[in-house]
């Protein structure tokens, strides 16, 4: 898949860190540091603009290292960038730790995963087929 990208930041294009990486790390493009206090959120700009092929999305996901070590995650994870969006990519970061976290310009703050998707046609019916799970909800398939 080819994704068109405009990079208005001073940072390199997003890239895969290893041959088997599913996501490309993306960096903060900010004029000054942003301090996230505990439980505070902010939209962090990236300077990146993309054009996706129809039938694809870019999923914005947290970086596991930031989440595990600092308690920093992407609030609407995974966030979806639709194929018709042309604005700057902004990342909604939230600080779930008990300490302030400072976002620095150029810091890797999230990752993008590109995925194909399908559009569904909804078929309104009055009865659904039976399954062994039935209406069992959250935790209904786990060990008791």
Protein backbone atom coordinates (compact mmCIF):
# COMPACT_ATOMS: atom_id res chain seq x y z
CA UNK A 1 0.00 0.00 0.00
CA UNK A 2 1.22 3.49 -0.79
CA UNK A 3 0.27 6.38 1.48
CA UNK A 4 0.84 9.97 0.36
CA UNK A 5 2.29 12.14 3.12
CA UNK A 6 3.15 15.80 3.65
CA UNK A 7 5.69 16.38 6.42
CA UNK A 8 5.64 19.98 7.68
CA UNK A 9 7.68 19.03 10.73
CA UNK A 10 11.44 19.15 11.05
CA UNK A 11 11.53 15.44 11.89
CA UNK A 12 12.10 12.42 9.65
CA UNK A 13 9.12 10.64 8.14
CA UNK A 14 7.52 7.98 10.33
CA UNK A 15 9.21 4.62 9.88
CA UNK A 16 9.09 1.03 10.99
CA UNK A 17 11.72 0.43 13.68
CA UNK A 18 12.22 -3.25 12.76
CA UNK A 19 11.51 -5.49 9.78
CA UNK A 20 8.54 -7.04 11.61
CA UNK A 21 7.04 -3.87 13.16
CA UNK A 22 3.32 -3.43 12.51
CA UNK A 23 3.32 0.27 13.37
CA UNK A 24 5.34 3.31 12.39
CA UNK A 25 6.43 5.59 15.22
CA UNK A 26 5.29 9.20 14.91
CA UNK A 27 6.80 12.19 16.66
CA UNK A 28 5.53 15.29 18.42
CA UNK A 29 5.96 18.52 16.45
CA UNK A 30 5.48 21.25 19.04
CA UNK A 31 6.98 24.71 19.46
CA UNK A 32 7.43 24.25 23.21
CA UNK A 33 7.24 21.43 25.72
CA UNK A 34 3.83 20.25 26.86
CA UNK A 35 3.54 19.19 30.49
CA UNK A 36 0.79 16.65 31.12
CA UNK A 37 -0.20 16.53 34.76
CA UNK A 38 -1.72 13.32 36.16
CA UNK A 39 -5.05 12.54 34.44
CA UNK A 40 -4.58 15.48 32.03
CA UNK A 41 -4.95 15.08 28.28
CA UNK A 42 -3.80 17.15 25.32
CA UNK A 43 -3.81 16.99 21.55
CA UNK A 44 -0.20 16.85 20.40
CA UNK A 45 0.41 17.92 16.81
CA UNK A 46 2.73 15.98 14.49
CA UNK A 47 3.15 18.17 11.38
CA UNK A 48 1.99 15.19 9.31
CA UNK A 49 -0.81 15.10 6.75
CA UNK A 50 -1.73 11.89 4.90
CA UNK A 51 -3.85 10.71 2.00
CA UNK A 52 -4.96 7.12 2.36
CA UNK A 53 -6.33 4.88 -0.39
CA UNK A 54 -10.10 4.26 -0.17
CA UNK A 55 -10.84 1.18 1.89
CA UNK A 56 -8.00 1.83 4.33
CA UNK A 57 -7.58 3.57 7.67
CA UNK A 58 -4.65 4.61 9.81
CA UNK A 59 -5.00 3.47 13.40
CA UNK A 60 -3.32 5.64 16.04
CA UNK A 61 -2.05 3.45 18.86
CA UNK A 62 -0.03 3.98 22.03
CA UNK A 63 3.65 3.15 22.22
CA UNK A 64 4.00 0.29 24.68
CA UNK A 65 7.19 1.71 26.21
CA UNK A 66 5.55 5.04 27.07
CA UNK A 67 2.52 3.25 28.47
CA UNK A 68 4.47 0.77 30.60
CA UNK A 69 7.25 3.07 31.80
CA UNK A 70 5.47 6.44 32.06
CA UNK A 71 1.71 5.76 32.08
CA UNK A 72 1.23 7.75 28.86
CA UNK A 73 -1.31 6.42 26.38
CA UNK A 74 -3.52 7.43 23.45
CA UNK A 75 -6.91 8.32 24.86
CA UNK A 76 -9.15 7.08 22.05
CA UNK A 77 -7.06 4.03 21.33
CA UNK A 78 -7.06 3.02 18.66
CA UNK A 79 -7.92 6.31 17.05
CA UNK A 80 -8.99 6.11 13.42
CA UNK A 81 -7.83 8.38 10.63
CA UNK A 82 -10.29 8.00 7.74
CA UNK A 83 -9.27 7.96 4.09
CA UNK A 84 -11.02 11.29 3.42
CA UNK A 85 -9.32 13.23 6.28
CA UNK A 86 -6.70 15.73 5.08
CA UNK A 87 -5.95 17.69 8.24
CA UNK A 88 -2.89 17.50 10.44
CA UNK A 89 -2.57 14.34 12.50
CA UNK A 90 -3.04 15.15 16.16
CA UNK A 91 -2.52 12.60 18.92
CA UNK A 92 -4.71 12.70 22.04
CA UNK A 93 -2.28 11.79 24.80
CA UNK A 94 -3.37 11.22 28.40
CA UNK A 95 -1.21 10.89 31.49
CA UNK A 96 -2.50 8.00 33.62
CA UNK A 97 0.44 8.15 36.02
CA UNK A 98 0.80 10.01 39.31
CA UNK A 99 3.64 12.19 38.03
CA UNK A 100 3.90 15.04 35.53
CA UNK A 101 5.08 13.99 32.06
CA UNK A 102 6.80 16.40 29.68
CA UNK A 103 6.28 15.90 25.94
CA UNK A 104 9.33 17.10 24.03
CA UNK A 105 9.48 18.19 20.41
CA UNK A 106 10.59 15.20 18.33
CA UNK A 107 9.61 12.62 20.93
CA UNK A 108 8.05 9.41 19.60
CA UNK A 109 4.54 9.63 21.05
CA UNK A 110 2.41 7.08 19.20
CA UNK A 111 2.39 4.69 16.30
CA UNK A 112 0.39 4.39 13.10
CA UNK A 113 -0.90 1.03 11.88
CA UNK A 114 -2.41 0.96 8.41
CA UNK A 115 -5.31 -1.43 7.83
CA UNK A 116 -7.83 -2.31 5.16
CA UNK A 117 -11.48 -2.30 6.13
CA UNK A 118 -14.82 -3.10 4.60
CA UNK A 119 -18.03 -1.13 4.54
CA UNK A 120 -20.98 -3.08 5.88
CA UNK A 121 -24.49 -3.21 4.55
CA UNK A 122 -26.90 -3.49 7.45
CA UNK A 123 -29.72 -6.02 7.03
CA UNK A 124 -32.53 -5.21 9.47
CA UNK A 125 -34.03 -8.44 10.84
CA UNK A 126 -36.20 -9.42 13.82
CA UNK A 127 -34.27 -12.54 14.93
CA UNK A 128 -30.56 -13.45 15.02
CA UNK A 129 -29.19 -16.99 14.79
CA UNK A 130 -28.46 -18.90 18.02
CA UNK A 131 -24.92 -19.58 19.26
CA UNK A 132 -23.51 -21.38 22.29
CA UNK A 133 -22.56 -18.01 23.78
CA UNK A 134 -25.92 -16.42 23.13
CA UNK A 135 -26.34 -13.13 24.98
CA UNK A 136 -23.39 -13.75 27.32
CA UNK A 137 -21.59 -10.44 27.69
CA UNK A 138 -18.38 -9.21 29.26
CA UNK A 139 -16.39 -12.06 30.76
CA UNK A 140 -18.89 -14.71 29.68
CA UNK A 141 -16.29 -16.80 27.81
CA UNK A 142 -13.64 -16.75 30.56
CA UNK A 143 -12.71 -19.39 33.12
CA UNK A 144 -14.93 -19.40 36.20
